[in-house]
Amino acid sequence: MAASAKLRADGLSVYYGRFLALKDIHLSITERRITALIGPSGCGKSTLLRAFNRMNDLIPGHRALGTIELDGRPLDAYDLDSLRKRVGMVFQRPNPFPLSVNDNVAFGPRIHALASGAGLSALVERSLAAVGLWEALKDRLCEPALALTSEQQQRLCLARVLAIEPEVLLMDEPCSALDPIATLHIEGLMRELARRYTIVLVTHNMQQAARVSDETGFMLLGELVEVAPTREIFTRPRDPRTDDYISGRYG
């Protein structure tokens, strides 16, 4: 059976005041796949990513035209709490709360009343295990999260998102603050998570997009130039602007 679209943007344009940040975007994000967005700085990748859980709504002067759908339902039909529970986000730099390891992971489930007592403890364990941290941290749950290594902090932030049991993971350059070895570890984790989650990845690292993604979209000056299976984008791009970018002649 063909995979279905989890997220779909149709004619999406985004303005910040008079500045047009995204121009008439049409994009389908396939369920349980990794879709990478590549392109030079300032091309609109992060704006598009944030549009998928309405984080741009917080920016003064923001205005959006067109539609975005989650499971065929417009995002505007969801209240923000339920939307952001279903569509979680991991940012460029690890941003653990100044709390213990346990309280970082338990924070979301407590807010959303997903679990308590023994059920919450089990959810914390499952979330840490899913990102490969349980064995390393099971005896350190009461320690400050800020004392962890950068890689462990980023994994913890991902566990914090998984604890609210989302369906979509938005990842905005999640490896930009990590060394090459830690980056490979996080990439391997992404591939494992794609078995259960739909992942949208913004990256400046074209090699990373080639390694981990199933589909890749190239963006330039607020336009989605083309989107295709990753192998095709990197070997047979349809648009000469894509070819110029991935070959290093532009950007």
Protein backbone atom coordinates (compact mmCIF):
# COMPACT_ATOMS: atom_id res chain seq x y z
CA MET A 1 0.00 0.00 0.00
CA ALA A 2 1.20 3.50 -0.78
CA ALA A 3 2.18 5.57 2.25
CA SER A 4 -0.26 8.31 3.11
CA ALA A 5 0.35 12.03 3.68
CA LYS A 6 0.51 12.95 7.35
CA LEU A 7 0.95 16.69 6.76
CA ARG A 8 0.00 18.68 3.69
CA ALA A 9 0.62 22.32 2.79
CA ASP A 10 -1.50 23.72 -0.03
CA GLY A 11 -0.77 27.20 -1.39
CA LEU A 12 0.97 28.25 1.84
CA SER A 13 2.39 31.77 1.88
CA VAL A 14 3.76 33.34 5.05
CA TYR A 15 4.35 37.04 5.67
CA TYR A 16 6.22 38.80 8.47
CA GLY A 17 4.81 42.28 8.07
CA ARG A 18 5.43 43.07 4.40
CA PHE A 19 8.18 40.51 4.01
CA LEU A 20 7.11 37.40 2.10
CA ALA A 21 8.95 34.51 3.78
CA LEU A 22 7.21 31.60 2.04
CA LYS A 23 5.74 31.71 -1.46
CA ASP A 24 2.88 29.41 -2.45
CA ILE A 25 4.23 26.19 -0.91
CA HIS A 26 2.68 22.88 -1.95
CA LEU A 27 4.11 19.95 0.00
CA SER A 28 2.98 16.55 1.26
CA ILE A 29 4.85 14.95 4.16
CA THR A 30 4.65 11.17 3.98
CA GLU A 31 3.69 9.28 7.11
CA ARG A 32 6.51 7.42 8.93
CA ARG A 33 9.20 8.75 6.63
CA ILE A 34 11.96 11.33 7.10
CA THR A 35 11.52 14.40 4.92
CA ALA A 36 14.54 16.72 4.83
CA LEU A 37 14.39 20.41 3.91
CA ILE A 38 17.63 21.82 2.52
CA GLY A 39 18.66 25.18 1.12
CA PRO A 40 20.81 28.22 1.95
CA SER A 41 20.36 30.27 5.11
CA GLY A 42 17.29 32.48 5.05
CA CYS A 43 15.47 30.47 2.39
CA GLY A 44 12.45 29.71 4.60
CA LYS A 45 13.22 26.19 5.84
CA SER A 46 12.67 26.93 9.54
CA THR A 47 9.64 29.10 8.80
CA LEU A 48 8.04 26.18 6.97
CA LEU A 49 8.97 23.78 9.77
CA ARG A 50 7.46 26.05 12.43
CA ALA A 51 4.30 26.44 10.37
CA PHE A 52 3.56 22.74 10.93
CA ASN A 53 2.79 23.34 14.61
CA ARG A 54 1.86 27.03 14.36
CA MET A 55 4.88 28.35 16.19
CA ASN A 56 5.03 31.25 13.73
CA ASP A 57 1.77 32.50 15.23
CA LEU A 58 3.84 33.90 18.13
CA ILE A 59 5.86 36.22 15.87
CA PRO A 60 4.58 39.84 15.59
CA GLY A 61 3.37 40.68 12.10
CA HIS A 62 2.94 37.03 11.10
CA ARG A 63 0.25 36.34 8.52
CA ALA A 64 -0.39 33.08 6.64
CA LEU A 65 -2.39 32.34 3.50
CA GLY A 66 -3.30 28.91 2.18
CA THR A 67 -3.81 25.82 4.31
CA ILE A 68 -1.90 23.19 6.24
CA GLU A 69 -3.60 19.93 7.15
CA LEU A 70 -2.74 17.25 9.69
CA ASP A 71 -4.43 13.95 8.84
CA GLY A 72 -6.68 15.83 6.43
CA ARG A 73 -7.85 18.36 9.02
CA PRO A 74 -6.79 22.04 8.89
CA LEU A 75 -4.36 23.04 11.64
CA ASP A 76 -6.66 25.92 12.59
CA ALA A 77 -9.26 23.33 13.63
CA TYR A 78 -6.97 22.06 16.41
CA ASP A 79 -6.51 23.90 19.67
CA LEU A 80 -2.83 24.65 20.23
CA ASP A 81 -2.40 22.26 23.16
CA SER A 82 -3.70 19.26 21.24
CA LEU A 83 -1.80 20.27 18.08
CA ARG A 84 1.54 20.60 19.85
CA LYS A 85 0.98 17.34 21.64
CA ARG A 86 0.62 15.62 18.26
CA VAL A 87 3.38 17.62 16.54
CA GLY A 88 6.48 17.93 18.73
CA MET A 89 9.64 19.91 18.02
CA VAL A 90 13.36 19.57 18.72
CA PHE A 91 15.49 22.69 18.27
CA GLN A 92 19.01 23.46 17.04
CA ARG A 93 20.66 23.56 20.45
CA PRO A 94 19.78 21.33 23.38
CA ASN A 95 17.43 23.22 25.69
CA PRO A 96 16.80 21.06 28.75
CA PHE A 97 14.87 22.70 31.54
CA PRO A 98 16.88 23.58 34.70
CA LEU A 99 15.33 20.56 36.39
CA SER A 100 16.34 16.97 37.05
CA VAL A 101 16.57 14.40 34.26
CA ASN A 102 13.35 12.80 35.49
CA ASP A 103 11.43 16.08 35.74
CA ASN A 104 12.47 17.12 32.24
CA VAL A 105 10.91 14.00 30.73
CA ALA A 106 7.91 14.02 33.07
CA PHE A 107 7.13 17.71 32.47
CA GLY A 108 4.94 17.27 29.40
CA PRO A 109 2.98 14.26 30.64
CA ARG A 110 2.21 16.13 33.84
CA ILE A 111 1.00 19.20 31.95
CA HIS A 112 -1.20 17.09 29.66
CA ALA A 113 -2.30 14.78 32.50
CA LEU A 114 -1.12 11.73 30.53
CA ALA A 115 0.14 9.74 33.50
CA SER A 116 0.91 9.87 37.21
CA GLY A 117 2.56 7.74 39.86
CA ALA A 118 3.90 4.42 38.61
CA GLY A 119 2.47 5.09 35.15
CA LEU A 120 4.50 8.30 34.88
CA SER A 121 7.67 6.52 36.00
CA ALA A 122 7.11 3.87 33.35
CA LEU A 123 6.56 6.57 30.71
CA VAL A 124 9.82 8.28 31.69
CA GLU A 125 11.64 4.95 31.39
CA ARG A 126 10.11 4.20 27.95
CA SER A 127 10.97 7.66 26.66
CA LEU A 128 14.58 7.52 27.85
CA ALA A 129 14.94 3.99 26.49
CA ALA A 130 13.61 5.11 23.10
CA VAL A 131 16.51 7.58 22.77
CA GLY A 132 19.12 5.21 24.17
CA LEU A 133 19.56 6.96 27.53
CA TRP A 134 17.87 4.69 30.05
CA GLU A 135 20.82 2.46 30.86
CA ALA A 136 23.17 5.43 31.18
CA LEU A 137 20.86 7.57 33.30
CA LYS A 138 18.58 5.20 35.23
CA ASP A 139 20.64 5.79 38.37
CA ARG A 140 20.99 9.53 37.71
CA LEU A 141 17.36 10.56 37.29
CA CYS A 142 17.57 13.07 40.15
CA GLU A 143 20.69 14.78 38.78
CA PRO A 144 20.43 18.15 36.96
CA ALA A 145 19.84 17.75 33.25
CA LEU A 146 22.23 20.64 32.59
CA ALA A 147 25.09 18.46 33.88
CA LEU A 148 24.74 16.04 30.93
CA THR A 149 26.92 16.12 27.82
CA SER A 150 25.64 18.02 24.78
CA GLU A 151 24.66 14.78 23.03
CA GLN A 152 22.88 13.49 26.13
CA GLN A 153 21.06 16.82 26.50
CA GLN A 154 19.82 16.66 22.90
CA ARG A 155 18.70 13.05 23.39
CA LEU A 156 16.97 14.12 26.60
CA CYS A 157 15.14 16.90 24.76
CA LEU A 158 13.99 14.33 22.22
CA ALA A 159 12.86 12.02 25.04
CA ARG A 160 10.94 14.97 26.51
CA VAL A 161 9.07 15.32 23.21
CA LEU A 162 8.44 11.57 22.89
CA ALA A 163 7.00 11.47 26.41
CA ILE A 164 3.90 13.36 25.25
CA GLU A 165 3.38 10.65 22.62
CA PRO A 166 3.38 12.78 19.46
CA GLU A 167 2.81 11.55 15.92
CA VAL A 168 5.11 14.01 14.13
CA LEU A 169 8.62 15.16 15.07
CA LEU A 170 9.87 18.48 13.72
CA MET A 171 13.67 18.69 13.97
CA ASP A 172 15.35 22.05 13.30
CA GLU A 173 19.05 21.32 12.71
CA PRO A 174 19.18 19.00 15.75
CA CYS A 175 22.86 18.17 15.22
CA SER A 176 24.24 21.67 14.59
CA ALA A 177 25.73 21.92 18.10
CA LEU A 178 27.09 18.35 18.18
CA ASP A 179 30.44 16.86 17.17
CA PRO A 180 30.62 14.40 14.23
CA ILE A 181 30.43 11.26 16.39
CA ALA A 182 27.42 12.54 18.34
CA THR A 183 25.84 13.59 15.04
CA LEU A 184 26.09 10.04 13.68
CA HIS A 185 24.49 8.72 16.88
CA ILE A 186 21.55 11.12 16.55
CA GLU A 187 21.17 10.26 12.86
CA GLY A 188 20.97 6.57 13.71
CA LEU A 189 18.34 7.39 16.30
CA MET A 190 16.32 9.30 13.68
CA ARG A 191 16.24 6.25 11.43
CA GLU A 192 15.00 4.11 14.29
CA LEU A 193 12.32 6.63 15.26
CA ALA A 194 11.06 6.89 11.67
CA ARG A 195 9.58 3.42 12.09
CA ARG A 196 7.00 4.94 14.44
CA TYR A 197 6.99 8.68 13.77
CA THR A 198 6.74 11.08 10.86
CA ILE A 199 9.88 13.24 10.88
CA VAL A 200 10.51 16.58 9.17
CA LEU A 201 14.17 17.60 9.34
CA VAL A 202 15.69 20.98 8.55
CA THR A 203 19.43 20.69 7.89
CA HIS A 204 22.24 22.68 6.33
CA ASN A 205 24.23 19.46 6.08
CA MET A 206 23.50 17.98 2.68
CA GLN A 207 25.42 14.81 3.54
CA GLN A 208 23.11 14.38 6.53
CA ALA A 209 20.04 14.77 4.35
CA ALA A 210 21.46 12.20 1.93
CA ARG A 211 22.22 9.76 4.76
CA VAL A 212 19.01 9.83 6.76
CA SER A 213 16.08 11.12 4.71
CA ASP A 214 13.64 9.34 2.46
CA GLU A 215 12.48 12.50 0.66
CA THR A 216 14.17 15.88 0.28
CA GLY A 217 12.83 19.30 -0.58
CA PHE A 218 15.11 22.09 -1.82
CA MET A 219 14.11 25.63 -0.86
CA LEU A 220 15.37 28.91 -2.27
CA LEU A 221 14.24 32.48 -1.48
CA GLY A 222 11.00 31.30 0.13
CA GLU A 223 10.08 28.88 -2.67
CA LEU A 224 9.98 25.11 -2.57
CA VAL A 225 11.90 24.54 -5.80
CA GLU A 226 11.37 20.79 -5.89
CA VAL A 227 10.76 17.79 -3.66
CA ALA A 228 11.50 14.20 -4.59
CA PRO A 229 12.95 10.96 -3.23
CA THR A 230 16.33 11.82 -1.73
CA ARG A 231 18.36 9.69 -4.11
CA GLU A 232 16.71 11.43 -7.05
CA ILE A 233 17.31 14.92 -5.63
CA PHE A 234 21.03 14.20 -5.21
CA THR A 235 21.58 12.35 -8.49
CA ARG A 236 18.95 13.58 -10.97
CA PRO A 237 17.47 16.91 -9.80
CA ARG A 238 14.88 18.29 -12.18
CA ASP A 239 15.59 21.98 -11.58
CA PRO A 240 19.01 23.47 -12.47
CA ARG A 241 18.88 25.59 -9.29
CA THR A 242 18.82 22.40 -7.22
CA ASP A 243 21.74 21.01 -9.18
CA ASP A 244 23.69 24.25 -8.67
CA TYR A 245 23.11 24.09 -4.91
CA ILE A 246 23.97 20.47 -4.26
CA SER A 247 27.04 20.70 -6.52
CA GLY A 248 28.30 23.75 -4.62
CA ARG A 249 27.90 26.28 -7.43
CA TYR A 250 25.33 28.21 -5.36
CA GLY A 251 24.81 28.85 -1.65
